[in-house]
PDB file of N, CA and C in Angstrom:
ATOM      1  N   MET A   1       1.084  18.439 -26.715  1.00  0.00           N
ATOM      2  CA  MET A   1      -0.222  18.192 -26.136  1.00  0.00           C
ATOM      3  C   MET A   1      -0.328  16.764 -25.586  1.00  0.00           C
ATOM      4  N   LEU A   2       0.238  15.800 -26.318  1.00  0.00           N
ATOM      5  CA  LEU A   2       0.192  14.418 -25.851  1.00  0.00           C
ATOM      6  C   LEU A   2       0.980  14.240 -24.564  1.00  0.00           C
ATOM      7  N   VAL A   3       2.105  14.931 -24.464  1.00  0.00           N
ATOM      8  CA  VAL A   3       2.915  14.822 -23.251  1.00  0.00           C
ATOM      9  C   VAL A   3       2.150  15.389 -22.071  1.00  0.00           C
ATOM     10  N   ARG A   4       1.485  16.510 -22.279  1.00  0.00           N
ATOM     11  CA  ARG A   4       0.703  17.131 -21.203  1.00  0.00           C
ATOM     12  C   ARG A   4      -0.403  16.188 -20.728  1.00  0.00           C
ATOM     13  N   ASN A   5      -1.101  15.577 -21.668  1.00  0.00           N
ATOM     14  CA  ASN A   5      -2.158  14.628 -21.304  1.00  0.00           C
ATOM     15  C   ASN A   5      -1.592  13.426 -20.552  1.00  0.00           C
ATOM     16  N   ALA A   6      -0.422  12.961 -20.983  1.00  0.00           N
ATOM     17  CA  ALA A   6       0.205  11.829 -20.303  1.00  0.00           C
ATOM     18  C   ALA A   6       0.596  12.199 -18.877  1.00  0.00           C
ATOM     19  N   VAL A   7       1.098  13.406 -18.687  1.00  0.00           N
ATOM     20  CA  VAL A   7       1.479  13.859 -17.348  1.00  0.00           C
ATOM     21  C   VAL A   7       0.252  13.973 -16.458  1.00  0.00           C
ATOM     22  N   ILE A   8      -0.833  14.504 -16.995  1.00  0.00           N
ATOM     23  CA  ILE A   8      -2.080  14.612 -16.228  1.00  0.00           C
ATOM     24  C   ILE A   8      -2.585  13.221 -15.851  1.00  0.00           C
ATOM     25  N   LEU A   9      -2.512  12.294 -16.790  1.00  0.00           N
ATOM     26  CA  LEU A   9      -2.926  10.919 -16.512  1.00  0.00           C
ATOM     27  C   LEU A   9      -2.065  10.303 -15.411  1.00  0.00           C
ATOM     28  N   LEU A  10      -0.764  10.534 -15.466  1.00  0.00           N
ATOM     29  CA  LEU A  10       0.132  10.019 -14.425  1.00  0.00           C
ATOM     30  C   LEU A  10      -0.195  10.606 -13.061  1.00  0.00           C
ATOM     31  N   GLU A  11      -0.488  11.895 -13.016  1.00  0.00           N
ATOM     32  CA  GLU A  11      -0.852  12.531 -11.744  1.00  0.00           C
ATOM     33  C   GLU A  11      -2.132  11.923 -11.183  1.00  0.00           C
ATOM     34  N   ASN A  12      -3.099  11.670 -12.049  1.00  0.00           N
ATOM     35  CA  ASN A  12      -4.350  11.041 -11.605  1.00  0.00           C
ATOM     36  C   ASN A  12      -4.102   9.627 -11.084  1.00  0.00           C
ATOM     37  N   LYS A  13      -3.267   8.870 -11.786  1.00  0.00           N
ATOM     38  CA  LYS A  13      -2.936   7.514 -11.334  1.00  0.00           C
ATOM     39  C   LYS A  13      -2.198   7.556  -9.999  1.00  0.00           C
ATOM     40  N   LYS A  14      -1.304   8.521  -9.847  1.00  0.00           N
ATOM     41  CA  LYS A  14      -0.548   8.657  -8.604  1.00  0.00           C
ATOM     42  C   LYS A  14      -1.492   8.945  -7.439  1.00  0.00           C
ATOM     43  N   GLU A  15      -2.459   9.821  -7.649  1.00  0.00           N
ATOM     44  CA  GLU A  15      -3.427  10.137  -6.597  1.00  0.00           C
ATOM     45  C   GLU A  15      -4.302   8.923  -6.282  1.00  0.00           C
ATOM     46  N   SER A  16      -4.666   8.164  -7.304  1.00  0.00           N
ATOM     47  CA  SER A  16      -5.437   6.940  -7.072  1.00  0.00           C
ATOM     48  C   SER A  16      -4.639   5.941  -6.243  1.00  0.00           C
ATOM     49  N   LEU A  17      -3.353   5.820  -6.528  1.00  0.00           N
ATOM     50  CA  LEU A  17      -2.502   4.920  -5.750  1.00  0.00           C
ATOM     51  C   LEU A  17      -2.387   5.386  -4.310  1.00  0.00           C
ATOM     52  N   ARG A  18      -2.285   6.689  -4.097  1.00  0.00           N
ATOM     53  CA  ARG A  18      -2.235   7.223  -2.728  1.00  0.00           C
ATOM     54  C   ARG A  18      -3.496   6.843  -1.958  1.00  0.00           C
ATOM     55  N   LYS A  19      -4.649   7.036  -2.596  1.00  0.00           N
ATOM     56  CA  LYS A  19      -5.916   6.701  -1.940  1.00  0.00           C
ATOM     57  C   LYS A  19      -5.994   5.209  -1.632  1.00  0.00           C
ATOM     58  N   ALA A  20      -5.560   4.388  -2.582  1.00  0.00           N
ATOM     59  CA  ALA A  20      -5.600   2.939  -2.375  1.00  0.00           C
ATOM     60  C   ALA A  20      -4.694   2.527  -1.221  1.00  0.00           C
ATOM     61  N   ILE A  21      -3.524   3.140  -1.126  1.00  0.00           N
ATOM     62  CA  ILE A  21      -2.602   2.812  -0.032  1.00  0.00           C
ATOM     63  C   ILE A  21      -3.202   3.213   1.302  1.00  0.00           C
ATOM     64  N   ARG A  22      -3.831   4.390   1.365  1.00  0.00           N
ATOM     65  CA  ARG A  22      -4.481   4.816   2.617  1.00  0.00           C
ATOM     66  C   ARG A  22      -5.566   3.824   3.028  1.00  0.00           C
ATOM     67  N   LYS A  23      -6.390   3.407   2.067  1.00  0.00           N
ATOM     68  CA  LYS A  23      -7.457   2.452   2.367  1.00  0.00           C
ATOM     69  C   LYS A  23      -6.889   1.116   2.830  1.00  0.00           C
ATOM     70  N   LEU A  24      -5.826   0.656   2.170  1.00  0.00           N
ATOM     71  CA  LEU A  24      -5.215  -0.613   2.567  1.00  0.00           C
ATOM     72  C   LEU A  24      -4.604  -0.532   3.956  1.00  0.00           C
ATOM     73  N   LYS A  25      -4.016   0.610   4.298  1.00  0.00           N
ATOM     74  CA  LYS A  25      -3.456   0.777   5.639  1.00  0.00           C
ATOM     75  C   LYS A  25      -4.557   0.741   6.693  1.00  0.00           C
ATOM     76  N   LEU A  26      -5.693   1.370   6.403  1.00  0.00           N
ATOM     77  CA  LEU A  26      -6.817   1.324   7.337  1.00  0.00           C
ATOM     78  C   LEU A  26      -7.324  -0.104   7.520  1.00  0.00           C
ATOM     79  N   GLU A  27      -7.496  -0.794   6.415  1.00  0.00           N
ATOM     80  CA  GLU A  27      -7.971  -2.177   6.485  1.00  0.00           C
ATOM     81  C   GLU A  27      -6.952  -3.062   7.197  1.00  0.00           C
ATOM     82  N   ASN A  28      -5.677  -2.830   6.944  1.00  0.00           N
ATOM     83  CA  ASN A  28      -4.629  -3.591   7.616  1.00  0.00           C
ATOM     84  C   ASN A  28      -4.684  -3.362   9.125  1.00  0.00           C
ATOM     85  N   GLY A  29      -4.903  -2.125   9.534  1.00  0.00           N
ATOM     86  CA  GLY A  29      -5.020  -1.820  10.958  1.00  0.00           C
ATOM     87  C   GLY A  29      -6.203  -2.519  11.594  1.00  0.00           C
ATOM     88  N   ARG A  30      -7.325  -2.540  10.879  1.00  0.00           N
ATOM     89  CA  ARG A  30      -8.515  -3.235  11.392  1.00  0.00           C
ATOM     90  C   ARG A  30      -8.264  -4.734  11.533  1.00  0.00           C
ATOM     91  N   MET A  31      -7.612  -5.310  10.527  1.00  0.00           N
ATOM     92  CA  MET A  31      -7.337  -6.747  10.572  1.00  0.00           C
ATOM     93  C   MET A  31      -6.361  -7.085  11.696  1.00  0.00           C
ATOM     94  N   LYS A  32      -5.359  -6.243  11.900  1.00  0.00           N
ATOM     95  CA  LYS A  32      -4.406  -6.484  12.992  1.00  0.00           C
ATOM     96  C   LYS A  32      -5.114  -6.438  14.338  1.00  0.00           C
ATOM     97  N   LEU A  33      -6.028  -5.477  14.492  1.00  0.00           N
ATOM     98  CA  LEU A  33      -6.782  -5.379  15.738  1.00  0.00           C
ATOM     99  C   LEU A  33      -7.659  -6.611  15.935  1.00  0.00           C
ATOM    100  N   LYS A  34      -8.284  -7.061  14.852  1.00  0.00           N
ATOM    101  CA  LYS A  34      -9.133  -8.250  14.920  1.00  0.00           C
ATOM    102  C   LYS A  34      -8.305  -9.487  15.284  1.00  0.00           C
ATOM    103  N   ILE A  35      -7.132  -9.627  14.666  1.00  0.00           N
ATOM    104  CA  ILE A  35      -6.260 -10.766  14.966  1.00  0.00           C
ATOM    105  C   ILE A  35      -5.770 -10.706  16.401  1.00  0.00           C
ATOM    106  N   LYS A  36      -5.423  -9.509  16.858  1.00  0.00           N
ATOM    107  CA  LYS A  36      -4.953  -9.360  18.235  1.00  0.00           C
ATOM    108  C   LYS A  36      -6.047  -9.758  19.222  1.00  0.00           C
ATOM    109  N   THR A  37      -7.272  -9.311  18.958  1.00  0.00           N
ATOM    110  CA  THR A  37      -8.396  -9.657  19.823  1.00  0.00           C
ATOM    111  C   THR A  37      -8.626 -11.165  19.839  1.00  0.00           C
ATOM    112  N   LEU A  38      -8.599 -11.784  18.662  1.00  0.00           N
ATOM    113  CA  LEU A  38      -8.783 -13.235  18.593  1.00  0.00           C
ATOM    114  C   LEU A  38      -7.652 -13.974  19.300  1.00  0.00           C
ATOM    115  N   ASN A  39      -6.413 -13.497  19.122  1.00  0.00           N
ATOM    116  CA  ASN A  39      -5.279 -14.125  19.810  1.00  0.00           C
ATOM    117  C   ASN A  39      -5.419 -14.016  21.321  1.00  0.00           C
ATOM    118  N   GLU A  40      -5.902 -12.878  21.797  1.00  0.00           N
ATOM    119  CA  GLU A  40      -6.101 -12.711  23.238  1.00  0.00           C
ATOM    120  C   GLU A  40      -7.162 -13.673  23.759  1.00  0.00           C
ATOM    121  N   LYS A  41      -8.251 -13.817  23.004  1.00  0.00           N
ATOM    122  CA  LYS A  41      -9.303 -14.751  23.415  1.00  0.00           C
ATOM    123  C   LYS A  41      -8.792 -16.188  23.433  1.00  0.00           C
ATOM    124  N   VAL A  42      -8.059 -16.558  22.385  1.00  0.00           N
ATOM    125  CA  VAL A  42      -7.505 -17.913  22.323  1.00  0.00           C
ATOM    126  C   VAL A  42      -6.484 -18.107  23.434  1.00  0.00           C
ATOM    127  N   GLY A  43      -5.664 -17.092  23.686  1.00  0.00           N
ATOM    128  CA  GLY A  43      -4.664 -17.177  24.744  1.00  0.00           C
ATOM    129  C   GLY A  43      -5.289 -17.368  26.113  1.00  0.00           C
ATOM    130  N   LYS A  44      -6.404 -16.689  26.356  1.00  0.00           N
ATOM    131  CA  LYS A  44      -7.100 -16.854  27.642  1.00  0.00           C
ATOM    132  C   LYS A  44      -7.669 -18.262  27.782  1.00  0.00           C
ATOM    133  N   LEU A  45      -8.178 -18.793  26.678  1.00  0.00           N
ATOM    134  CA  LEU A  45      -8.780 -20.125  26.730  1.00  0.00           C
ATOM    135  C   LEU A  45      -7.737 -21.234  26.848  1.00  0.00           C
ATOM    136  N   THR A  46      -6.582 -21.036  26.240  1.00  0.00           N
ATOM    137  CA  THR A  46      -5.579 -22.109  26.218  1.00  0.00           C
ATOM    138  C   THR A  46      -4.368 -21.819  27.096  1.00  0.00           C
ATOM    139  N   ASN A  47      -4.314 -20.632  27.677  1.00  0.00           N
ATOM    140  CA  ASN A  47      -3.179 -20.213  28.508  1.00  0.00           C
ATOM    141  C   ASN A  47      -1.852 -20.268  27.756  1.00  0.00           C
ATOM    142  N   GLU A  48      -1.875 -19.915  26.472  1.00  0.00           N
ATOM    143  CA  GLU A  48      -0.663 -19.900  25.654  1.00  0.00           C
ATOM    144  C   GLU A  48      -0.204 -18.470  25.429  1.00  0.00           C
ATOM    145  N   LYS A  49       1.059 -18.344  25.020  1.00  0.00           N
ATOM    146  CA  LYS A  49       1.628 -17.033  24.725  1.00  0.00           C
ATOM    147  C   LYS A  49       1.050 -16.506  23.411  1.00  0.00           C
ATOM    148  N   LEU A  50       0.831 -15.189  23.340  1.00  0.00           N
ATOM    149  CA  LEU A  50       0.279 -14.566  22.145  1.00  0.00           C
ATOM    150  C   LEU A  50       1.317 -14.506  21.033  1.00  0.00           C
ATOM    151  N   VAL A  51       0.845 -14.611  19.798  1.00  0.00           N
ATOM    152  CA  VAL A  51       1.707 -14.482  18.628  1.00  0.00           C
ATOM    153  C   VAL A  51       1.600 -13.053  18.133  1.00  0.00           C
ATOM    154  N   ASP A  52       2.739 -12.385  17.961  1.00  0.00           N
ATOM    155  CA  ASP A  52       2.745 -10.999  17.491  1.00  0.00           C
ATOM    156  C   ASP A  52       2.633 -10.986  15.974  1.00  0.00           C
ATOM    157  N   VAL A  53       1.631 -10.283  15.438  1.00  0.00           N
ATOM    158  CA  VAL A  53       1.408 -10.261  13.996  1.00  0.00           C
ATOM    159  C   VAL A  53       2.332  -9.290  13.281  1.00  0.00           C
ATOM    160  N   ASP A  54       3.064  -8.443  13.987  1.00  0.00           N
ATOM    161  CA  ASP A  54       3.933  -7.453  13.357  1.00  0.00           C
ATOM    162  C   ASP A  54       5.354  -7.956  13.135  1.00  0.00           C
ATOM    163  N   ASP A  55       5.669  -9.176  13.515  1.00  0.00           N
ATOM    164  CA  ASP A  55       7.043  -9.666  13.398  1.00  0.00           C
ATOM    165  C   ASP A  55       7.516  -9.776  11.954  1.00  0.00           C
ATOM    166  N   GLY A  56       6.687 -10.266  11.062  1.00  0.00           N
ATOM    167  CA  GLY A  56       7.095 -10.500   9.684  1.00  0.00           C
ATOM    168  C   GLY A  56       6.782  -9.355   8.745  1.00  0.00           C
ATOM    169  N   ARG A  57       6.667  -8.178   9.263  1.00  0.00           N
ATOM    170  CA  ARG A  57       6.245  -7.028   8.480  1.00  0.00           C
ATOM    171  C   ARG A  57       7.360  -6.564   7.538  1.00  0.00           C
ATOM    172  N   ALA A  58       6.995  -6.195   6.322  1.00  0.00           N
ATOM    173  CA  ALA A  58       7.954  -5.643   5.367  1.00  0.00           C
ATOM    174  C   ALA A  58       8.341  -4.232   5.788  1.00  0.00           C
ATOM    175  N   PRO A  59       9.581  -3.824   5.550  1.00  0.00           N
ATOM    176  CA  PRO A  59      10.009  -2.485   5.973  1.00  0.00           C
ATOM    177  C   PRO A  59       9.229  -1.365   5.293  1.00  0.00           C
ATOM    178  N   GLU A  60       8.679  -1.627   4.102  1.00  0.00           N
ATOM    179  CA  GLU A  60       7.938  -0.597   3.376  1.00  0.00           C
ATOM    180  C   GLU A  60       6.509  -0.446   3.864  1.00  0.00           C
ATOM    181  N   SER A  61       6.069  -1.275   4.779  1.00  0.00           N
ATOM    182  CA  SER A  61       4.657  -1.304   5.154  1.00  0.00           C
ATOM    183  C   SER A  61       4.172  -0.022   5.814  1.00  0.00           C
ATOM    184  N   GLU A  62       5.043   0.734   6.434  1.00  0.00           N
ATOM    185  CA  GLU A  62       4.626   1.962   7.100  1.00  0.00           C
ATOM    186  C   GLU A  62       4.884   3.212   6.272  1.00  0.00           C
ATOM    187  N   TYR A  63       5.458   3.064   5.070  1.00  0.00           N
ATOM    188  CA  TYR A  63       5.770   4.227   4.242  1.00  0.00           C
ATOM    189  C   TYR A  63       4.524   4.732   3.537  1.00  0.00           C
ATOM    190  N   ASP A  64       4.485   6.035   3.289  1.00  0.00           N
ATOM    191  CA  ASP A  64       3.453   6.617   2.455  1.00  0.00           C
ATOM    192  C   ASP A  64       3.873   6.421   1.001  1.00  0.00           C
ATOM    193  N   TYR A  65       2.963   6.610   0.080  1.00  0.00           N
ATOM    194  CA  TYR A  65       3.249   6.391  -1.337  1.00  0.00           C
ATOM    195  C   TYR A  65       4.446   7.208  -1.802  1.00  0.00           C
ATOM    196  N   ASP A  66       4.518   8.479  -1.404  1.00  0.00           N
ATOM    197  CA  ASP A  66       5.598   9.351  -1.860  1.00  0.00           C
ATOM    198  C   ASP A  66       6.944   8.963  -1.269  1.00  0.00           C
ATOM    199  N   ASP A  67       6.955   8.207  -0.188  1.00  0.00           N
ATOM    200  CA  ASP A  67       8.205   7.823   0.462  1.00  0.00           C
ATOM    201  C   ASP A  67       8.768   6.503  -0.058  1.00  0.00           C
ATOM    202  N   LEU A  68       8.102   5.876  -1.001  1.00  0.00           N
ATOM    203  CA  LEU A  68       8.554   4.578  -1.489  1.00  0.00           C
ATOM    204  C   LEU A  68       9.717   4.679  -2.471  1.00  0.00           C
ATOM    205  N   ASN A  69      10.036   5.889  -2.929  1.00  0.00           N
ATOM    206  CA  ASN A  69      11.144   6.128  -3.861  1.00  0.00           C
ATOM    207  C   ASN A  69      10.988   5.341  -5.153  1.00  0.00           C
ATOM    208  N   ARG A  70       9.800   5.325  -5.677  1.00  0.00           N
ATOM    209  CA  ARG A  70       9.559   4.693  -6.965  1.00  0.00           C
ATOM    210  C   ARG A  70       9.719   5.759  -8.042  1.00  0.00           C
ATOM    211  N   ASP A  71      10.370   5.389  -9.138  1.00  0.00           N
ATOM    212  CA  ASP A  71      10.541   6.309 -10.253  1.00  0.00           C
ATOM    213  C   ASP A  71       9.600   5.894 -11.376  1.00  0.00           C
ATOM    214  N   PHE A  72       8.972   6.883 -11.977  1.00  0.00           N
ATOM    215  CA  PHE A  72       8.099   6.628 -13.101  1.00  0.00           C
ATOM    216  C   PHE A  72       8.804   7.076 -14.369  1.00  0.00           C
ATOM    217  N   TYR A  73       8.798   6.230 -15.357  1.00  0.00           N
ATOM    218  CA  TYR A  73       9.420   6.557 -16.627  1.00  0.00           C
ATOM    219  C   TYR A  73       8.316   6.706 -17.664  1.00  0.00           C
ATOM    220  N   LEU A  74       8.299   7.845 -18.331  1.00  0.00           N
ATOM    221  CA  LEU A  74       7.316   8.091 -19.370  1.00  0.00           C
ATOM    222  C   LEU A  74       7.866   7.533 -20.672  1.00  0.00           C
ATOM    223  N   ILE A  75       7.137   6.602 -21.275  1.00  0.00           N
ATOM    224  CA  ILE A  75       7.597   5.958 -22.493  1.00  0.00           C
ATOM    225  C   ILE A  75       6.583   6.262 -23.579  1.00  0.00           C
ATOM    226  N   GLY A  76       7.047   6.863 -24.657  1.00  0.00           N
ATOM    227  CA  GLY A  76       6.143   7.267 -25.723  1.00  0.00           C
ATOM    228  C   GLY A  76       6.550   6.687 -27.056  1.00  0.00           C
ATOM    229  N   GLY A  77       5.676   6.861 -28.004  1.00  0.00           N
ATOM    230  CA  GLY A  77       5.944   6.382 -29.347  1.00  0.00           C
ATOM    231  C   GLY A  77       4.823   6.816 -30.259  1.00  0.00           C
ATOM    232  N   ILE A  78       4.753   6.192 -31.385  1.00  0.00           N
ATOM    233  CA  ILE A  78       3.731   6.535 -32.374  1.00  0.00           C
ATOM    234  C   ILE A  78       2.331   6.290 -31.830  1.00  0.00           C
ATOM    235  N   HIS A  79       2.161   5.257 -31.047  1.00  0.00           N
ATOM    236  CA  HIS A  79       0.834   4.849 -30.591  1.00  0.00           C
ATOM    237  C   HIS A  79       0.427   5.472 -29.267  1.00  0.00           C
ATOM    238  N   GLY A  80       1.174   6.407 -28.755  1.00  0.00           N
ATOM    239  CA  GLY A  80       0.781   7.064 -27.512  1.00  0.00           C
ATOM    240  C   GLY A  80       1.818   6.888 -26.429  1.00  0.00           C
ATOM    241  N   PHE A  81       1.410   7.206 -25.236  1.00  0.00           N
ATOM    242  CA  PHE A  81       2.319   7.181 -24.107  1.00  0.00           C
ATOM    243  C   PHE A  81       1.829   6.192 -23.062  1.00  0.00           C
ATOM    244  N   SER A  82       2.752   5.647 -22.345  1.00  0.00           N
ATOM    245  CA  SER A  82       2.433   4.809 -21.196  1.00  0.00           C
ATOM    246  C   SER A  82       3.478   5.082 -20.132  1.00  0.00           C
ATOM    247  N   TYR A  83       3.284   4.534 -18.970  1.00  0.00           N
ATOM    248  CA  TYR A  83       4.260   4.728 -17.905  1.00  0.00           C
ATOM    249  C   TYR A  83       4.606   3.388 -17.290  1.00  0.00           C
ATOM    250  N   HIS A  84       5.811   3.312 -16.781  1.00  0.00           N
ATOM    251  CA  HIS A  84       6.301   2.099 -16.133  1.00  0.00           C
ATOM    252  C   HIS A  84       6.913   2.471 -14.807  1.00  0.00           C
ATOM    253  N   VAL A  85       6.811   1.556 -13.869  1.00  0.00           N
ATOM    254  CA  VAL A  85       7.413   1.771 -12.545  1.00  0.00           C
ATOM    255  C   VAL A  85       8.737   1.061 -12.512  1.00  0.00           C
TER     256      VAL A  85
END
């Protein structure tokens, strides 16, 4: 029974992480658009070349949660179960 509850808890945490990643990707897209707009305005005023905000991007930035290849290890004992990434 404890293992079943731990698995259900892990599934709930996994779904929460998926939702958080989706929200962060949306916010990241909004911020990139805002930065691009500001760079264009500054570029017009100063006649300078635009700085691309996507140059320093981490390779994992476009992956979905399930594509990150993270393994979860269920660790149990007398005091209950926990999980580690």
